[in-house]
């Protein structure tokens, strides 16, 4: 009995360690970092800093170091309100701090002399220079994913391919989603080889032994993705396998409000334009030019539907549990015909 219990304890320990290592390696989150200074530019130690995400209410807290530096190393992507306070200084509120996937938002906080009961509010949603990390990359956000045109019928799985947007990144080349030579997963980033790009989904590698980074074959719905980042140069040392770049995709999450979508991307030959020569023949049926087969000049069949829906929000069980600010769900379903 003792040996059996010991065995279970060892397995539980190994599982916990594996989970911890996986969580540490995740890159679907972002970071906030900077320094806290007083009006003279001197560093302020032991300043209390709190970050609260607007849509989920998720809160993170830290304290500036003896050198005035602070860092939130792993925070969910979203828009944050930052509050900083210290003895002898007014409380400073910075609103609209945007945290993107696999990116460190650089935010220096300048405190003003006064009492902690006084407040200073600053709009911090302006773009900032990336000073906290050396990697170079491009973030494609949710609005770009949903608003930019994306072809139906990618080569591999027929539905829209989220990897098609990788070609928005400088230094990414390949056949593209409309090519019959392999589609989007043959992208080459920064001179890398085919199938050698590291592709992460919520921080987990999607690489397979038989064909590398063929993410297009198993990718989730475009509607299920929040944003992604393509690292093209001076990537962190943890990415040792790739010969080119790193694609880090982040799935959507529920918020404190219930939100959902229904969609149908519809294609039909009745909506397609015919080529000029075919229209000429259909109008004239000149036997010297067109022959007598009228069907040869009809628009080819083009009937495609990509439809589905999404739903997200807080987990609420009436009279038992209210998940606002704590627990969320997100569901996505996609069908192609």
Protein backbone atom coordinates (compact mmCIF):
# COMPACT_ATOMS: atom_id res chain seq x y z
CA UNK A 1 0.00 0.00 0.00
CA UNK A 2 2.82 2.39 0.87
CA UNK A 3 4.58 1.72 -2.45
CA UNK A 4 1.36 2.29 -4.34
CA UNK A 5 0.81 5.65 -2.62
CA UNK A 6 4.43 6.59 -3.24
CA UNK A 7 4.03 5.78 -6.92
CA UNK A 8 0.97 7.99 -7.20
CA UNK A 9 2.83 10.81 -5.45
CA UNK A 10 5.73 10.50 -7.91
CA UNK A 11 3.37 10.55 -10.90
CA UNK A 12 1.53 13.56 -9.50
CA UNK A 13 4.83 15.37 -8.94
CA UNK A 14 6.01 14.64 -12.48
CA UNK A 15 2.68 15.79 -13.93
CA UNK A 16 2.81 19.01 -11.91
CA UNK A 17 6.37 19.68 -13.03
CA UNK A 18 5.48 19.06 -16.68
CA UNK A 19 2.48 21.38 -16.41
CA UNK A 20 4.63 24.06 -14.78
CA UNK A 21 7.28 23.86 -17.50
CA UNK A 22 4.61 24.06 -20.19
CA UNK A 23 3.02 27.08 -18.56
CA UNK A 24 6.40 28.83 -18.28
CA UNK A 25 7.08 28.27 -21.98
CA UNK A 26 3.81 29.73 -23.20
CA UNK A 27 4.13 32.74 -25.48
CA UNK A 28 0.47 33.45 -26.21
CA UNK A 29 0.54 36.03 -23.45
CA UNK A 30 2.35 39.37 -23.29
CA UNK A 31 4.26 41.45 -20.79
CA UNK A 32 4.32 44.97 -19.34
CA UNK A 33 7.60 46.44 -18.13
CA UNK A 34 9.23 49.77 -17.39
CA UNK A 35 10.53 52.01 -14.61
CA UNK A 36 8.92 54.30 -12.05
CA UNK A 37 10.41 57.78 -11.67
CA UNK A 38 9.82 60.94 -9.61
CA UNK A 39 9.61 64.51 -11.06
CA UNK A 40 13.44 64.79 -11.03
CA UNK A 41 13.86 61.58 -12.99
CA UNK A 42 15.16 59.57 -10.03
CA UNK A 43 13.94 55.99 -9.67
CA UNK A 44 11.20 55.24 -7.15
CA UNK A 45 11.54 52.00 -5.20
CA UNK A 46 8.69 50.01 -3.60
CA UNK A 47 5.98 51.65 -5.68
CA UNK A 48 2.84 49.51 -5.81
CA UNK A 49 1.67 48.88 -9.37
CA UNK A 50 -1.60 47.20 -10.37
CA UNK A 51 -2.75 46.22 -13.87
CA UNK A 52 -6.45 45.49 -14.52
CA UNK A 53 -7.77 44.19 -17.84
CA UNK A 54 -10.86 46.11 -18.96
CA UNK A 55 -12.94 43.29 -20.46
CA UNK A 56 -12.27 40.49 -17.99
CA UNK A 57 -11.39 42.31 -14.77
CA UNK A 58 -8.23 40.19 -14.43
CA UNK A 59 -5.86 41.94 -12.03
CA UNK A 60 -2.09 41.67 -11.59
CA UNK A 61 0.00 43.38 -8.90
CA UNK A 62 3.72 43.96 -8.39
CA UNK A 63 6.15 46.30 -6.62
CA UNK A 64 9.01 48.26 -8.21
CA UNK A 65 12.50 47.10 -7.34
CA UNK A 66 15.23 49.07 -5.53
CA UNK A 67 16.25 50.33 -8.97
CA UNK A 68 12.70 51.50 -9.75
CA UNK A 69 12.08 48.77 -12.34
CA UNK A 70 8.91 46.69 -12.53
CA UNK A 71 7.62 43.90 -14.77
CA UNK A 72 4.44 41.91 -15.29
CA UNK A 73 6.05 38.92 -17.05
CA UNK A 74 2.98 36.95 -18.18
CA UNK A 75 -0.35 38.73 -18.65
CA UNK A 76 -3.25 37.88 -20.92
CA UNK A 77 -3.53 39.94 -24.08
CA UNK A 78 -5.96 42.83 -23.86
CA UNK A 79 -6.27 46.46 -22.79
CA UNK A 80 -5.19 47.39 -19.28
CA UNK A 81 -5.58 50.23 -16.81
CA UNK A 82 -2.41 50.67 -14.75
CA UNK A 83 -2.41 52.21 -11.26
CA UNK A 84 0.85 53.23 -9.53
CA UNK A 85 1.14 54.61 -6.01
CA UNK A 86 3.94 55.33 -3.55
CA UNK A 87 4.32 57.21 -0.28
CA UNK A 88 4.74 60.94 -0.90
CA UNK A 89 3.36 60.80 -4.46
CA UNK A 90 -0.01 61.20 -6.14
CA UNK A 91 -1.68 58.02 -7.39
CA UNK A 92 -1.13 57.77 -11.15
CA UNK A 93 -3.67 56.05 -13.42
CA UNK A 94 -2.70 55.10 -16.96
CA UNK A 95 -5.55 53.94 -19.18
CA UNK A 96 -5.69 52.02 -22.45
CA UNK A 97 -2.37 50.16 -22.22
CA UNK A 98 -2.50 47.60 -25.02
CA UNK A 99 -0.78 44.23 -24.48
CA UNK A 100 -0.30 42.10 -27.60
CA UNK A 101 0.63 38.46 -27.95
CA UNK A 102 4.31 37.58 -27.48
CA UNK A 103 5.10 41.28 -27.04
CA UNK A 104 6.37 43.37 -24.13
CA UNK A 105 4.59 46.71 -23.72
CA UNK A 106 7.16 49.28 -22.55
CA UNK A 107 5.54 51.65 -20.08
CA UNK A 108 7.53 54.08 -17.92
CA UNK A 109 5.53 55.67 -15.09
CA UNK A 110 6.26 59.22 -13.89
CA UNK A 111 4.90 59.99 -10.44
CA UNK A 112 4.08 63.51 -9.24
CA UNK A 113 4.70 64.80 -5.73
CA UNK A 114 1.58 64.87 -3.54
CA UNK A 115 -0.55 62.55 -1.44
CA UNK A 116 -1.80 59.12 -2.42
CA UNK A 117 -5.38 60.39 -2.15
CA UNK A 118 -4.74 62.67 -5.15
CA UNK A 119 -5.06 61.12 -8.60
CA UNK A 120 -3.45 61.81 -11.96
CA UNK A 121 -4.98 60.10 -15.02
CA UNK A 122 -3.02 59.66 -18.24
CA UNK A 123 -4.23 58.16 -21.53
CA UNK A 124 -1.51 55.66 -22.41
CA UNK A 125 -2.96 54.11 -25.58
CA UNK A 126 -0.47 55.80 -27.93
CA UNK A 127 1.97 53.48 -29.77
CA UNK A 128 5.23 52.97 -27.88
CA UNK A 129 8.72 52.14 -29.09
CA UNK A 130 9.67 48.52 -28.40
CA UNK A 131 12.54 48.95 -25.92
CA UNK A 132 12.18 45.91 -23.67
CA UNK A 133 13.04 43.13 -26.12
CA UNK A 134 15.38 42.67 -29.08
CA UNK A 135 13.12 40.53 -31.28
CA UNK A 136 11.60 41.99 -34.44
CA UNK A 137 8.14 40.99 -35.56
CA UNK A 138 4.66 41.96 -36.73
CA UNK A 139 1.39 41.56 -34.81
CA UNK A 140 -1.80 40.88 -36.77
CA UNK A 141 -4.72 41.79 -34.51
CA UNK A 142 -8.35 40.67 -34.38
CA UNK A 143 -9.66 43.57 -36.48
CA UNK A 144 -7.21 42.81 -39.29
CA UNK A 145 -8.04 39.10 -39.19
CA UNK A 146 -11.78 39.73 -39.48
CA UNK A 147 -11.77 42.77 -41.81
CA UNK A 148 -9.13 41.91 -44.40
CA UNK A 149 -10.21 39.74 -47.35
CA UNK A 150 -9.31 36.07 -47.03
CA UNK A 151 -9.86 33.61 -49.85
CA UNK A 152 -12.19 30.66 -49.39
CA UNK A 153 -10.96 27.25 -50.34
CA UNK A 154 -7.31 27.03 -49.28
CA UNK A 155 -5.44 24.13 -50.83
CA UNK A 156 -5.28 21.87 -47.80
CA UNK A 157 -8.49 22.03 -45.78
CA UNK A 158 -10.75 24.14 -48.06
CA UNK A 159 -11.73 26.58 -45.30
CA UNK A 160 -10.07 29.94 -44.81
CA UNK A 161 -6.51 29.68 -43.62
CA UNK A 162 -5.38 31.95 -40.75
CA UNK A 163 -1.79 31.50 -41.95
CA UNK A 164 -2.56 33.45 -45.11
CA UNK A 165 -2.01 36.64 -43.11
CA UNK A 166 1.59 35.65 -42.46
CA UNK A 167 2.37 37.11 -45.88
CA UNK A 168 1.52 40.56 -44.52
CA UNK A 169 4.83 40.34 -42.67
CA UNK A 170 7.94 41.79 -44.35
CA UNK A 171 10.33 38.98 -45.20
CA UNK A 172 7.66 36.26 -45.60
CA UNK A 173 7.39 34.62 -49.03
CA UNK A 174 5.73 31.48 -50.39
CA UNK A 175 3.11 30.10 -52.77
CA UNK A 176 0.17 31.51 -50.81
CA UNK A 177 -3.28 30.15 -50.05
CA UNK A 178 -4.46 29.93 -53.67
CA UNK A 179 -1.52 27.86 -54.85
CA UNK A 180 -1.76 24.16 -55.60
CA UNK A 181 1.87 23.67 -54.65
CA UNK A 182 1.38 23.44 -50.91
CA UNK A 183 -0.53 26.46 -49.72
CA UNK A 184 0.26 28.71 -46.85
CA UNK A 185 2.27 26.31 -44.72
CA UNK A 186 5.13 26.48 -47.23
CA UNK A 187 5.88 30.03 -46.17
CA UNK A 188 9.52 30.96 -45.84
CA UNK A 189 10.31 33.63 -43.23
CA UNK A 190 13.55 35.56 -43.25
CA UNK A 191 15.15 33.14 -45.68
CA UNK A 192 14.14 30.00 -43.79
CA UNK A 193 13.32 26.64 -45.34
CA UNK A 194 9.96 25.07 -46.14
CA UNK A 195 8.25 23.50 -43.09
CA UNK A 196 10.93 24.95 -40.80
CA UNK A 197 8.88 27.74 -39.25
CA UNK A 198 7.99 27.30 -35.59
CA UNK A 199 4.20 27.58 -35.23
CA UNK A 200 2.71 28.00 -31.74
CA UNK A 201 -0.95 27.81 -30.76
CA UNK A 202 -1.55 29.29 -27.31
CA UNK A 203 2.11 28.72 -26.57
CA UNK A 204 2.19 25.04 -27.58
CA UNK A 205 4.22 23.91 -30.58
CA UNK A 206 2.18 22.41 -33.45
CA UNK A 207 5.22 20.85 -35.13
CA UNK A 208 4.81 17.25 -36.26
CA UNK A 209 7.56 14.79 -37.05
CA UNK A 210 6.31 13.88 -40.53
CA UNK A 211 5.84 17.32 -42.06
CA UNK A 212 6.98 19.98 -39.66
CA UNK A 213 4.90 23.12 -39.39
CA UNK A 214 1.89 22.17 -41.57
CA UNK A 215 -0.39 24.28 -39.40
CA UNK A 216 -2.89 24.80 -42.22
CA UNK A 217 -4.02 21.18 -41.95
CA UNK A 218 -5.15 21.39 -38.33
CA UNK A 219 -5.60 25.11 -37.70
CA UNK A 220 -8.68 26.27 -35.76
CA UNK A 221 -11.29 28.50 -37.35
CA UNK A 222 -10.22 32.01 -38.27
CA UNK A 223 -13.09 33.22 -36.07
CA UNK A 224 -11.55 31.47 -33.05
CA UNK A 225 -8.25 33.35 -33.26
CA UNK A 226 -7.70 36.60 -31.41
CA UNK A 227 -4.38 37.73 -32.86
CA UNK A 228 -0.96 36.40 -33.73
CA UNK A 229 2.61 37.58 -34.01
CA UNK A 230 5.28 36.65 -36.54
CA UNK A 231 8.83 36.93 -35.22
CA UNK A 232 11.24 37.46 -38.08
CA UNK A 233 14.59 38.40 -36.54
CA UNK A 234 16.66 38.03 -33.35
CA UNK A 235 14.12 35.62 -31.89
CA UNK A 236 14.57 34.53 -28.25
CA UNK A 237 16.94 31.64 -27.54
CA UNK A 238 14.06 29.31 -26.59
CA UNK A 239 13.24 28.92 -30.28
CA UNK A 240 16.17 26.81 -31.37
CA UNK A 241 14.45 24.61 -33.95
CA UNK A 242 13.40 27.18 -36.52
CA UNK A 243 15.60 28.21 -39.45
CA UNK A 244 13.52 31.29 -40.15
CA UNK A 245 10.68 32.74 -38.11
CA UNK A 246 8.16 31.99 -35.39
CA UNK A 247 4.37 32.26 -35.75
CA UNK A 248 2.56 32.58 -32.42
CA UNK A 249 -1.25 32.31 -32.59
CA UNK A 250 -3.55 33.14 -29.69
CA UNK A 251 -7.14 31.92 -29.46
CA UNK A 252 -9.96 34.14 -28.25
CA UNK A 253 -11.29 34.15 -24.72
CA UNK A 254 -14.60 35.06 -23.17
CA UNK A 255 -15.08 38.36 -21.34
CA UNK A 256 -17.43 39.73 -18.69
CA UNK A 257 -20.03 40.38 -21.40
CA UNK A 258 -21.75 37.80 -23.60
CA UNK A 259 -20.73 38.24 -27.23
CA UNK A 260 -21.30 36.07 -30.28
CA UNK A 261 -21.32 36.06 -34.07
CA UNK A 262 -23.07 34.21 -36.88
CA UNK A 263 -21.59 34.28 -40.37
CA UNK A 264 -21.77 32.73 -43.82
CA UNK A 265 -19.18 33.42 -46.50
CA UNK A 266 -21.05 32.64 -49.69
CA UNK A 267 -19.74 32.07 -53.20
CA UNK A 268 -21.78 31.16 -56.28
CA UNK A 269 -21.13 31.30 -60.03
CA UNK A 270 -24.18 33.55 -60.41
CA UNK A 271 -22.22 36.26 -58.57
CA UNK A 272 -18.99 35.72 -60.55
CA UNK A 273 -18.02 37.68 -63.65
CA UNK A 274 -17.44 35.74 -66.85
CA UNK A 275 -14.48 36.46 -69.12
CA UNK A 276 -15.09 38.88 -71.99
CA UNK A 277 -14.61 36.29 -74.74
CA UNK A 278 -17.11 33.90 -73.18
CA UNK A 279 -19.69 36.69 -72.89
CA UNK A 280 -19.13 37.55 -76.56
CA UNK A 281 -19.79 33.96 -77.60
CA UNK A 282 -22.84 33.64 -75.39
CA UNK A 283 -24.25 36.80 -76.97
CA UNK A 284 -23.43 36.03 -80.61
CA UNK A 285 -22.64 32.31 -80.86
CA UNK A 286 -20.62 33.14 -83.97
CA UNK A 287 -19.89 29.65 -85.41
CA UNK A 288 -16.59 30.83 -86.94
CA UNK A 289 -15.23 31.94 -83.57
CA UNK A 290 -17.23 30.10 -80.96
CA UNK A 291 -18.46 26.92 -82.51
CA UNK A 292 -21.84 25.56 -81.50
CA UNK A 293 -21.29 24.32 -77.94
CA UNK A 294 -22.92 27.02 -75.81
CA UNK A 295 -22.15 25.23 -72.54
CA UNK A 296 -18.41 25.70 -73.11
CA UNK A 297 -18.76 29.41 -72.38
CA UNK A 298 -20.80 29.25 -69.20
CA UNK A 299 -19.26 30.39 -65.95
CA UNK A 300 -17.71 27.40 -64.14
CA UNK A 301 -19.46 26.09 -61.04
CA UNK A 302 -18.29 27.95 -57.95
CA UNK A 303 -20.45 27.03 -54.98
CA UNK A 304 -18.80 27.46 -51.60
CA UNK A 305 -20.16 28.17 -48.15
CA UNK A 306 -18.07 28.77 -45.04
CA UNK A 307 -20.48 29.28 -42.18
CA UNK A 308 -20.58 29.01 -38.42
CA UNK A 309 -20.77 30.94 -35.20
CA UNK A 310 -18.96 31.92 -32.02
CA UNK A 311 -20.05 32.59 -28.45
CA UNK A 312 -18.16 33.74 -25.39
CA UNK A 313 -18.78 35.16 -21.95
CA UNK A 314 -18.49 34.52 -18.22
CA UNK A 315 -19.37 31.12 -16.73
CA UNK A 316 -22.57 31.69 -14.75
CA UNK A 317 -24.60 29.01 -12.95
CA UNK A 318 -27.70 30.70 -11.49
CA UNK A 319 -27.79 30.63 -7.67
CA UNK A 320 -24.52 28.66 -7.58
CA UNK A 321 -21.64 30.46 -9.28
CA UNK A 322 -20.87 33.84 -10.85
CA UNK A 323 -17.76 33.68 -13.01
CA UNK A 324 -17.45 37.39 -13.84
CA UNK A 325 -13.86 38.56 -13.34
CA UNK A 326 -12.85 34.91 -12.76
CA UNK A 327 -14.01 32.21 -15.19
CA UNK A 328 -14.84 32.52 -18.89
CA UNK A 329 -15.74 30.33 -21.86
CA UNK A 330 -15.41 30.68 -25.62
CA UNK A 331 -16.98 28.42 -28.26
CA UNK A 332 -16.39 28.43 -32.00
CA UNK A 333 -17.88 26.25 -34.74
CA UNK A 334 -17.01 26.35 -38.44
CA UNK A 335 -18.38 24.34 -41.38
CA UNK A 336 -17.36 24.33 -45.03
CA UNK A 337 -19.30 23.02 -47.99
